[in-house]
Protein backbone atom coordinates (compact mmCIF):
# COMPACT_ATOMS: atom_id res chain seq x y z
CA UNK A 1 84.75 130.13 152.51
CA UNK A 2 86.19 129.58 149.40
CA UNK A 3 89.66 130.87 150.50
CA UNK A 4 92.17 128.12 151.85
CA UNK A 5 94.99 128.30 154.71
CA UNK A 6 98.11 128.78 153.61
CA UNK A 7 100.20 125.48 153.81
CA UNK A 8 101.77 126.15 157.21
CA UNK A 9 98.94 126.96 159.20
CA UNK A 10 96.74 124.22 157.87
CA UNK A 11 99.87 122.42 158.67
CA UNK A 12 100.20 123.34 162.13
CA UNK A 13 96.56 123.11 162.61
CA UNK A 14 97.03 119.58 161.73
CA UNK A 15 99.84 118.65 163.70
CA UNK A 16 98.19 120.42 166.75
CA UNK A 17 94.83 118.54 166.16
CA UNK A 18 97.08 115.29 165.88
CA UNK A 19 98.94 115.64 169.16
CA UNK A 20 95.15 116.74 170.64
CA UNK A 21 94.19 113.23 169.14
CA UNK A 22 96.78 111.05 171.23
CA UNK A 23 96.31 112.93 174.27
CA UNK A 24 92.75 111.77 174.18
CA UNK A 25 93.72 108.21 173.49
CA UNK A 26 95.71 108.50 176.74
CA UNK A 27 92.44 109.79 178.43
CA UNK A 28 94.69 113.02 178.62
CA UNK A 29 91.80 115.24 178.75
CA UNK A 30 93.32 118.55 179.48
CA UNK A 31 96.22 118.41 177.13
CA UNK A 32 94.20 117.13 174.30
CA UNK A 33 92.06 120.20 174.79
CA UNK A 34 94.73 122.57 174.90
CA UNK A 35 96.11 121.35 171.70
CA UNK A 36 92.64 121.92 169.94
CA UNK A 37 92.44 125.39 171.10
CA UNK A 38 96.27 126.31 170.00
CA UNK A 39 94.95 124.71 166.69
CA UNK A 40 91.82 127.02 166.91
CA UNK A 41 93.51 129.88 167.90
CA UNK A 42 95.25 129.90 164.58
CA UNK A 43 92.29 130.11 162.48
CA UNK A 44 91.69 133.39 160.62
CA UNK A 45 88.69 135.63 161.52
CA UNK A 46 86.27 134.52 161.23
CA UNK A 47 86.87 131.61 162.13
CA UNK A 48 83.73 130.11 161.83
CA UNK A 49 83.87 129.94 158.32
CA UNK A 50 86.88 127.71 157.99
CA UNK A 51 86.09 124.17 157.33
CA UNK A 52 88.94 123.23 159.72
CA UNK A 53 86.69 125.08 162.66
CA UNK A 54 84.29 122.31 161.93
CA UNK A 55 86.43 119.04 162.97
CA UNK A 56 88.56 121.58 165.44
CA UNK A 57 85.22 121.94 167.06
CA UNK A 58 83.82 118.37 166.74
CA UNK A 59 87.65 117.35 168.36
CA UNK A 60 86.95 120.24 171.51
CA UNK A 61 83.62 118.28 171.90
CA UNK A 62 83.57 114.83 171.84
CA UNK A 63 87.05 115.11 174.45
CA UNK A 64 84.79 117.24 176.22
CA UNK A 65 82.04 114.65 175.91
CA UNK A 66 84.26 111.78 176.91
CA UNK A 67 85.73 113.50 179.73
CA UNK A 68 82.34 114.19 181.13
CA UNK A 69 81.90 118.46 180.76
CA UNK A 70 78.66 117.58 178.67
CA UNK A 71 78.20 121.32 179.26
CA UNK A 72 81.30 122.13 177.62
CA UNK A 73 80.74 119.62 174.85
CA UNK A 74 77.06 121.05 174.39
CA UNK A 75 78.42 124.39 173.45
CA UNK A 76 81.36 123.37 171.46
CA UNK A 77 79.36 121.30 169.61
CA UNK A 78 76.34 123.64 169.30
CA UNK A 79 79.08 126.50 167.57
CA UNK A 80 80.53 124.09 165.03
CA UNK A 81 76.80 123.65 163.97
CA UNK A 82 77.66 127.08 162.93
CA UNK A 83 80.55 125.69 160.26
CA UNK A 84 80.24 124.07 157.19
CA UNK A 85 79.62 121.04 156.47
CA UNK A 86 78.43 120.42 160.33
CA UNK A 87 75.02 120.51 159.61
CA UNK A 88 73.86 116.67 159.07
CA UNK A 89 77.06 115.33 159.96
CA UNK A 90 75.56 112.27 161.67
CA UNK A 91 78.98 111.80 164.38
CA UNK A 92 78.31 115.85 165.52
CA UNK A 93 74.25 115.36 166.14
CA UNK A 94 75.22 112.21 167.96
CA UNK A 95 77.89 113.74 170.05
CA UNK A 96 75.43 116.94 170.80
CA UNK A 97 72.27 114.96 171.08
CA UNK A 98 74.62 112.79 173.93
CA UNK A 99 75.83 115.86 176.08
CA UNK A 100 72.02 117.33 175.85
CA UNK A 101 70.55 113.56 177.03
CA UNK A 102 73.12 113.94 179.96
CA UNK A 103 72.30 117.65 180.80
CA UNK A 104 68.57 116.81 180.90
CA UNK A 105 67.50 118.35 178.02
CA UNK A 106 65.69 115.61 176.30
CA UNK A 107 63.13 116.89 173.83
CA UNK A 108 67.20 118.86 172.16
CA UNK A 109 68.72 115.10 172.79
CA UNK A 110 65.65 113.13 170.38
CA UNK A 111 66.32 116.22 167.84
CA UNK A 112 69.88 115.31 167.85
CA UNK A 113 69.89 111.79 168.15
CA UNK A 114 66.72 111.28 165.79
CA UNK A 115 69.04 113.53 163.65
CA UNK A 116 72.13 110.84 163.50
CA UNK A 117 70.32 107.93 163.43
CA UNK A 118 68.82 109.32 160.23
CA UNK A 119 71.57 110.22 159.23
CA UNK A 120 74.06 106.92 159.93
CA UNK A 121 71.68 104.74 160.73
CA UNK A 122 71.51 102.75 163.75
CA UNK A 123 75.14 101.54 163.56
CA UNK A 124 76.23 105.06 164.58
CA UNK A 125 74.88 103.68 168.09
CA UNK A 126 76.31 100.36 168.03
CA UNK A 127 79.87 101.37 170.41
CA UNK A 128 77.59 103.69 172.21
CA UNK A 129 76.30 103.54 175.83
CA UNK A 130 72.63 102.11 175.17
CA UNK A 131 71.30 104.30 176.87
CA UNK A 132 70.85 106.66 174.19
CA UNK A 133 69.28 104.35 171.46
CA UNK A 134 67.08 103.63 174.27
CA UNK A 135 65.98 106.89 175.24
CA UNK A 136 65.20 107.46 171.28
CA UNK A 137 63.21 104.55 171.44
CA UNK A 138 60.93 105.79 173.46
CA UNK A 139 60.74 109.01 171.48
CA UNK A 140 59.65 107.53 167.88
CA UNK A 141 58.42 104.33 166.57
CA UNK A 142 60.36 101.56 164.37
CA UNK A 143 64.30 102.63 165.52
CA UNK A 144 65.98 99.73 165.20
CA UNK A 145 68.77 98.65 167.83
CA UNK A 146 72.27 97.97 166.64
CA UNK A 147 73.18 95.16 169.70
CA UNK A 148 72.76 92.08 168.49
CA UNK A 149 70.59 90.53 170.79
CA UNK A 150 71.48 87.19 171.95
CA UNK A 151 69.10 84.01 171.28
CA UNK A 152 68.38 81.76 174.94
CA UNK A 153 70.14 79.07 174.20
CA UNK A 154 73.43 81.03 172.76
CA UNK A 155 74.73 81.27 176.49
CA UNK A 156 78.48 81.92 175.63
CA UNK A 157 78.04 85.26 173.69
């Protein structure tokens, strides 16, 4: 959408998302989601046409994922993909792929995880559970694992 949110609405959305982030960092996922949904409610219709919709839904989907609600994560991240700048965003593809894999949707998971890998390289998997890169390696050749391998003589690492 070419139009911009008015300054007051934009500031309130940022404030609510920052509160959501603070709750999320303390593993208060329900409180985090409450703040993100309040921010979502402030977006004018059609909501999916605003850039802020992308990052609000990304925050919601990420919170769904880290709290173990993979179905909601899949749904919210899939909705985010209809918002500006979402397609091609490696983090969104990573989280969507992770949710898909947790739900047993292996083909969709492989597609999304490959998009994350292609967009950001192996480092996007660096701080993630190694099962996701391991899964991707079963679906594609030449996937580099970002976790350093111990050499047999390096017992202290």
